[in-house]
Amino acid sequence: MKNMSRNEFDITSFSSYRTVPGQYTDSFIKTTGAVKISDEAHAVTIAVKESKLHDCITNLKNFHAGRETSFVSVSDTAFEEFVGSILEGNAPDEKHVKDVSGFVLEDVSTSSVINIINAVFLEAVRSRASDIHIEPGPEEMLIRFRID
């Protein structure tokens, strides 16, 4: 697994997670066990809960296609402490937090089709993709971008 470091990041004191551009929603962070720790023009670094590491790396790399994606593995205990103290302790209501730079997969079930298509196109343009490949499945779909 390339671009993987272990326990170099203290997630339990990461209280400024909301200031990271395009940060995932709180419910996505809880569900996937992943939180952005930095987001630059050409690179993104994501802290991932150890037990969820193999489940979400491919999806997150595809979501951030065209940008270097690095992962930092954090212990399940530390991640749960982060969720308990930071997210659940003093987080504002997610209805008031709006991310205009992207969308989260779990939002798809409640979004109109046009909003989903717009989000895919915006991400493709931002990534400078020449093609968009959509692979439908019975429970989920995979969206890949061709970056030349």
C-alpha atoms as a PDB file:
ATOM      1  CA  MET A   1       0.000   0.000   0.000  1.00  0.00           C
ATOM      2  CA  LYS A   2       1.814   3.095  -1.253  1.00  0.00           C
ATOM      3  CA  ASN A   3       1.704   6.473   0.484  1.00  0.00           C
ATOM      4  CA  MET A   4       0.894   4.919   3.856  1.00  0.00           C
ATOM      5  CA  SER A   5       2.310   6.038   7.146  1.00  0.00           C
ATOM      6  CA  ARG A   6       1.348   4.771  10.559  1.00  0.00           C
ATOM      7  CA  ASN A   7       0.538   6.722  13.715  1.00  0.00           C
ATOM      8  CA  GLU A   8       2.311   9.907  12.636  1.00  0.00           C
ATOM      9  CA  PHE A   9      -0.804  11.960  13.248  1.00  0.00           C
ATOM     10  CA  ASP A  10      -2.513  12.584  16.584  1.00  0.00           C
ATOM     11  CA  ILE A  11      -6.147  12.595  15.537  1.00  0.00           C
ATOM     12  CA  THR A  12      -7.409  12.975  19.101  1.00  0.00           C
ATOM     13  CA  SER A  13      -6.313  16.623  19.142  1.00  0.00           C
ATOM     14  CA  PHE A  14      -7.358  17.440  15.563  1.00  0.00           C
ATOM     15  CA  SER A  15      -9.957  20.063  16.470  1.00  0.00           C
ATOM     16  CA  SER A  16      -9.429  22.158  13.323  1.00  0.00           C
ATOM     17  CA  TYR A  17     -10.791  19.473  10.999  1.00  0.00           C
ATOM     18  CA  ARG A  18     -13.614  21.785   9.866  1.00  0.00           C
ATOM     19  CA  THR A  19     -11.113  24.239   8.368  1.00  0.00           C
ATOM     20  CA  VAL A  20      -9.789  21.669   5.881  1.00  0.00           C
ATOM     21  CA  PRO A  21     -11.188  22.601   2.438  1.00  0.00           C
ATOM     22  CA  GLY A  22     -13.854  20.208   1.184  1.00  0.00           C
ATOM     23  CA  GLN A  23     -13.957  18.304   4.479  1.00  0.00           C
ATOM     24  CA  TYR A  24     -16.251  15.284   4.512  1.00  0.00           C
ATOM     25  CA  THR A  25     -19.535  15.511   6.405  1.00  0.00           C
ATOM     26  CA  ASP A  26     -19.589  14.316  10.008  1.00  0.00           C
ATOM     27  CA  SER A  27     -21.798  11.341   9.134  1.00  0.00           C
ATOM     28  CA  PHE A  28     -19.408  10.314   6.322  1.00  0.00           C
ATOM     29  CA  ILE A  29     -16.461  10.551   8.732  1.00  0.00           C
ATOM     30  CA  LYS A  30     -18.256   8.336  11.269  1.00  0.00           C
ATOM     31  CA  THR A  31     -19.382   5.802   8.652  1.00  0.00           C
ATOM     32  CA  THR A  32     -16.145   5.457   6.678  1.00  0.00           C
ATOM     33  CA  GLY A  33     -13.649   6.088   9.452  1.00  0.00           C
ATOM     34  CA  ALA A  34     -11.861   8.652   7.273  1.00  0.00           C
ATOM     35  CA  VAL A  35     -11.221  12.377   7.747  1.00  0.00           C
ATOM     36  CA  LYS A  36      -9.210  14.785   5.603  1.00  0.00           C
ATOM     37  CA  ILE A  37      -6.239  16.238   7.429  1.00  0.00           C
ATOM     38  CA  SER A  38      -5.033  18.386   4.530  1.00  0.00           C
ATOM     39  CA  ASP A  39      -6.362  19.307   1.103  1.00  0.00           C
ATOM     40  CA  GLU A  40      -4.109  21.185  -1.294  1.00  0.00           C
ATOM     41  CA  ALA A  41      -4.512  21.873  -5.029  1.00  0.00           C
ATOM     42  CA  HIS A  42      -2.697  18.713  -6.152  1.00  0.00           C
ATOM     43  CA  ALA A  43      -2.642  16.550  -3.016  1.00  0.00           C
ATOM     44  CA  VAL A  44      -4.928  15.381  -0.249  1.00  0.00           C
ATOM     45  CA  THR A  45      -3.997  13.581   2.980  1.00  0.00           C
ATOM     46  CA  ILE A  46      -6.577  11.461   4.764  1.00  0.00           C
ATOM     47  CA  ALA A  47      -6.463   9.884   8.227  1.00  0.00           C
ATOM     48  CA  VAL A  48      -8.180   6.485   8.178  1.00  0.00           C
ATOM     49  CA  LYS A  49      -9.293   4.256  11.031  1.00  0.00           C
ATOM     50  CA  GLU A  50      -7.177   1.069  10.997  1.00  0.00           C
ATOM     51  CA  SER A  51     -10.133  -1.335  10.741  1.00  0.00           C
ATOM     52  CA  LYS A  52     -11.622   0.579   7.771  1.00  0.00           C
ATOM     53  CA  LEU A  53      -8.362   1.092   5.887  1.00  0.00           C
ATOM     54  CA  HIS A  54      -8.748  -1.528   3.181  1.00  0.00           C
ATOM     55  CA  ASP A  55     -12.467  -0.823   2.727  1.00  0.00           C
ATOM     56  CA  CYS A  56     -12.210   2.830   1.786  1.00  0.00           C
ATOM     57  CA  ILE A  57      -8.803   3.433   0.146  1.00  0.00           C
ATOM     58  CA  THR A  58      -9.917   2.588  -3.399  1.00  0.00           C
ATOM     59  CA  ASN A  59     -13.095   4.664  -3.151  1.00  0.00           C
ATOM     60  CA  LEU A  60     -11.264   7.662  -1.728  1.00  0.00           C
ATOM     61  CA  LYS A  61      -8.519   7.429  -4.367  1.00  0.00           C
ATOM     62  CA  ASN A  62     -11.201   7.326  -7.071  1.00  0.00           C
ATOM     63  CA  PHE A  63     -13.040  10.257  -5.497  1.00  0.00           C
ATOM     64  CA  HIS A  64      -9.836  12.312  -5.441  1.00  0.00           C
ATOM     65  CA  ALA A  65      -8.645  11.087  -8.869  1.00  0.00           C
ATOM     66  CA  GLY A  66      -6.053  13.313 -10.484  1.00  0.00           C
ATOM     67  CA  ARG A  67      -4.582  14.347  -7.159  1.00  0.00           C
ATOM     68  CA  GLU A  68      -1.938  12.621  -5.090  1.00  0.00           C
ATOM     69  CA  THR A  69      -3.789  10.905  -2.256  1.00  0.00           C
ATOM     70  CA  SER A  70      -1.894   9.951   0.906  1.00  0.00           C
ATOM     71  CA  PHE A  71      -3.271   7.988   3.831  1.00  0.00           C
ATOM     72  CA  VAL A  72      -2.336   7.993   7.503  1.00  0.00           C
ATOM     73  CA  SER A  73      -3.472   4.992   9.523  1.00  0.00           C
ATOM     74  CA  VAL A  74      -4.750   5.759  13.023  1.00  0.00           C
ATOM     75  CA  SER A  75      -5.794   3.293  15.700  1.00  0.00           C
ATOM     76  CA  ASP A  76      -9.477   2.482  16.066  1.00  0.00           C
ATOM     77  CA  THR A  77      -9.372   3.693  19.667  1.00  0.00           C
ATOM     78  CA  ALA A  78      -7.883   7.070  18.722  1.00  0.00           C
ATOM     79  CA  PHE A  79     -10.396   7.517  15.899  1.00  0.00           C
ATOM     80  CA  GLU A  80     -13.323   6.676  18.179  1.00  0.00           C
ATOM     81  CA  GLU A  81     -11.997   9.180  20.714  1.00  0.00           C
ATOM     82  CA  PHE A  82     -11.863  11.798  17.938  1.00  0.00           C
ATOM     83  CA  VAL A  83     -15.445  11.016  16.911  1.00  0.00           C
ATOM     84  CA  GLY A  84     -16.653  11.096  20.508  1.00  0.00           C
ATOM     85  CA  SER A  85     -14.934  14.258  21.669  1.00  0.00           C
ATOM     86  CA  ILE A  86     -14.625  16.387  18.551  1.00  0.00           C
ATOM     87  CA  LEU A  87     -17.502  15.387  16.286  1.00  0.00           C
ATOM     88  CA  GLU A  88     -20.186  14.574  18.817  1.00  0.00           C
ATOM     89  CA  GLY A  89     -19.020  16.876  21.582  1.00  0.00           C
ATOM     90  CA  ASN A  90     -19.137  20.298  19.968  1.00  0.00           C
ATOM     91  CA  ALA A  91     -20.040  19.925  16.322  1.00  0.00           C
ATOM     92  CA  PRO A  92     -22.569  22.335  14.800  1.00  0.00           C
ATOM     93  CA  ASP A  93     -25.615  20.885  13.109  1.00  0.00           C
ATOM     94  CA  GLU A  94     -24.604  19.483   9.720  1.00  0.00           C
ATOM     95  CA  LYS A  95     -27.631  21.078   8.075  1.00  0.00           C
ATOM     96  CA  HIS A  96     -25.840  24.386   8.437  1.00  0.00           C
ATOM     97  CA  VAL A  97     -22.521  23.172   6.996  1.00  0.00           C
ATOM     98  CA  LYS A  98     -22.449  23.302   3.218  1.00  0.00           C
ATOM     99  CA  ASP A  99     -19.603  22.045   1.045  1.00  0.00           C
ATOM    100  CA  VAL A 100     -19.765  23.593  -2.408  1.00  0.00           C
ATOM    101  CA  SER A 101     -16.589  21.957  -3.705  1.00  0.00           C
ATOM    102  CA  GLY A 102     -17.869  18.378  -3.764  1.00  0.00           C
ATOM    103  CA  PHE A 103     -20.366  15.871  -2.515  1.00  0.00           C
ATOM    104  CA  VAL A 104     -20.359  12.787  -0.368  1.00  0.00           C
ATOM    105  CA  LEU A 105     -21.527   9.387  -1.540  1.00  0.00           C
ATOM    106  CA  GLU A 106     -24.067   8.977   1.245  1.00  0.00           C
ATOM    107  CA  ASP A 107     -25.839  12.144   0.075  1.00  0.00           C
ATOM    108  CA  VAL A 108     -26.749  10.444  -3.205  1.00  0.00           C
ATOM    109  CA  SER A 109     -29.807   8.661  -1.819  1.00  0.00           C
ATOM    110  CA  THR A 110     -31.426  11.955  -0.824  1.00  0.00           C
ATOM    111  CA  SER A 111     -30.250  14.144  -3.714  1.00  0.00           C
ATOM    112  CA  SER A 112     -32.034  14.807  -6.937  1.00  0.00           C
ATOM    113  CA  VAL A 113     -30.479  13.242 -10.013  1.00  0.00           C
ATOM    114  CA  ILE A 114     -29.496  16.611 -11.452  1.00  0.00           C
ATOM    115  CA  ASN A 115     -27.552  17.484  -8.282  1.00  0.00           C
ATOM    116  CA  ILE A 116     -25.692  14.179  -8.453  1.00  0.00           C
ATOM    117  CA  ILE A 117     -24.829  14.718 -12.120  1.00  0.00           C
ATOM    118  CA  ASN A 118     -23.716  18.288 -11.420  1.00  0.00           C
ATOM    119  CA  ALA A 119     -21.457  17.095  -8.596  1.00  0.00           C
ATOM    120  CA  VAL A 120     -19.885  14.435 -10.835  1.00  0.00           C
ATOM    121  CA  PHE A 121     -19.294  16.979 -13.615  1.00  0.00           C
ATOM    122  CA  LEU A 122     -17.826  19.529 -11.219  1.00  0.00           C
ATOM    123  CA  GLU A 123     -15.399  16.954  -9.832  1.00  0.00           C
ATOM    124  CA  ALA A 124     -14.483  15.867 -13.384  1.00  0.00           C
ATOM    125  CA  VAL A 125     -13.787  19.448 -14.461  1.00  0.00           C
ATOM    126  CA  ARG A 126     -11.817  20.158 -11.292  1.00  0.00           C
ATOM    127  CA  SER A 127      -9.762  17.007 -11.933  1.00  0.00           C
ATOM    128  CA  ARG A 128      -9.327  17.903 -15.617  1.00  0.00           C
ATOM    129  CA  ALA A 129     -10.825  14.580 -16.660  1.00  0.00           C
ATOM    130  CA  SER A 130     -11.235  13.792 -20.336  1.00  0.00           C
ATOM    131  CA  ASP A 131     -13.705  10.936 -19.760  1.00  0.00           C
ATOM    132  CA  ILE A 132     -16.217   9.928 -17.118  1.00  0.00           C
ATOM    133  CA  HIS A 133     -16.814   6.198 -16.679  1.00  0.00           C
ATOM    134  CA  ILE A 134     -19.882   5.065 -14.741  1.00  0.00           C
ATOM    135  CA  GLU A 135     -20.073   1.410 -13.725  1.00  0.00           C
ATOM    136  CA  PRO A 136     -23.511   0.608 -12.263  1.00  0.00           C
ATOM    137  CA  GLY A 137     -23.945  -2.202  -9.755  1.00  0.00           C
ATOM    138  CA  PRO A 138     -26.866  -3.709  -7.860  1.00  0.00           C
ATOM    139  CA  GLU A 139     -26.197  -1.750  -4.639  1.00  0.00           C
ATOM    140  CA  GLU A 140     -23.711   0.930  -5.656  1.00  0.00           C
ATOM    141  CA  MET A 141     -21.991   2.432  -8.642  1.00  0.00           C
ATOM    142  CA  LEU A 142     -18.387   3.270  -9.355  1.00  0.00           C
ATOM    143  CA  ILE A 143     -17.511   6.540 -11.061  1.00  0.00           C
ATOM    144  CA  ARG A 144     -14.024   6.812 -12.536  1.00  0.00           C
ATOM    145  CA  PHE A 145     -12.386   9.713 -14.329  1.00  0.00           C
ATOM    146  CA  ARG A 146      -9.782   9.425 -17.054  1.00  0.00           C
ATOM    147  CA  ILE A 147      -7.066  11.965 -16.385  1.00  0.00           C
ATOM    148  CA  ASP A 148      -4.733  12.531 -19.334  1.00  0.00           C
END
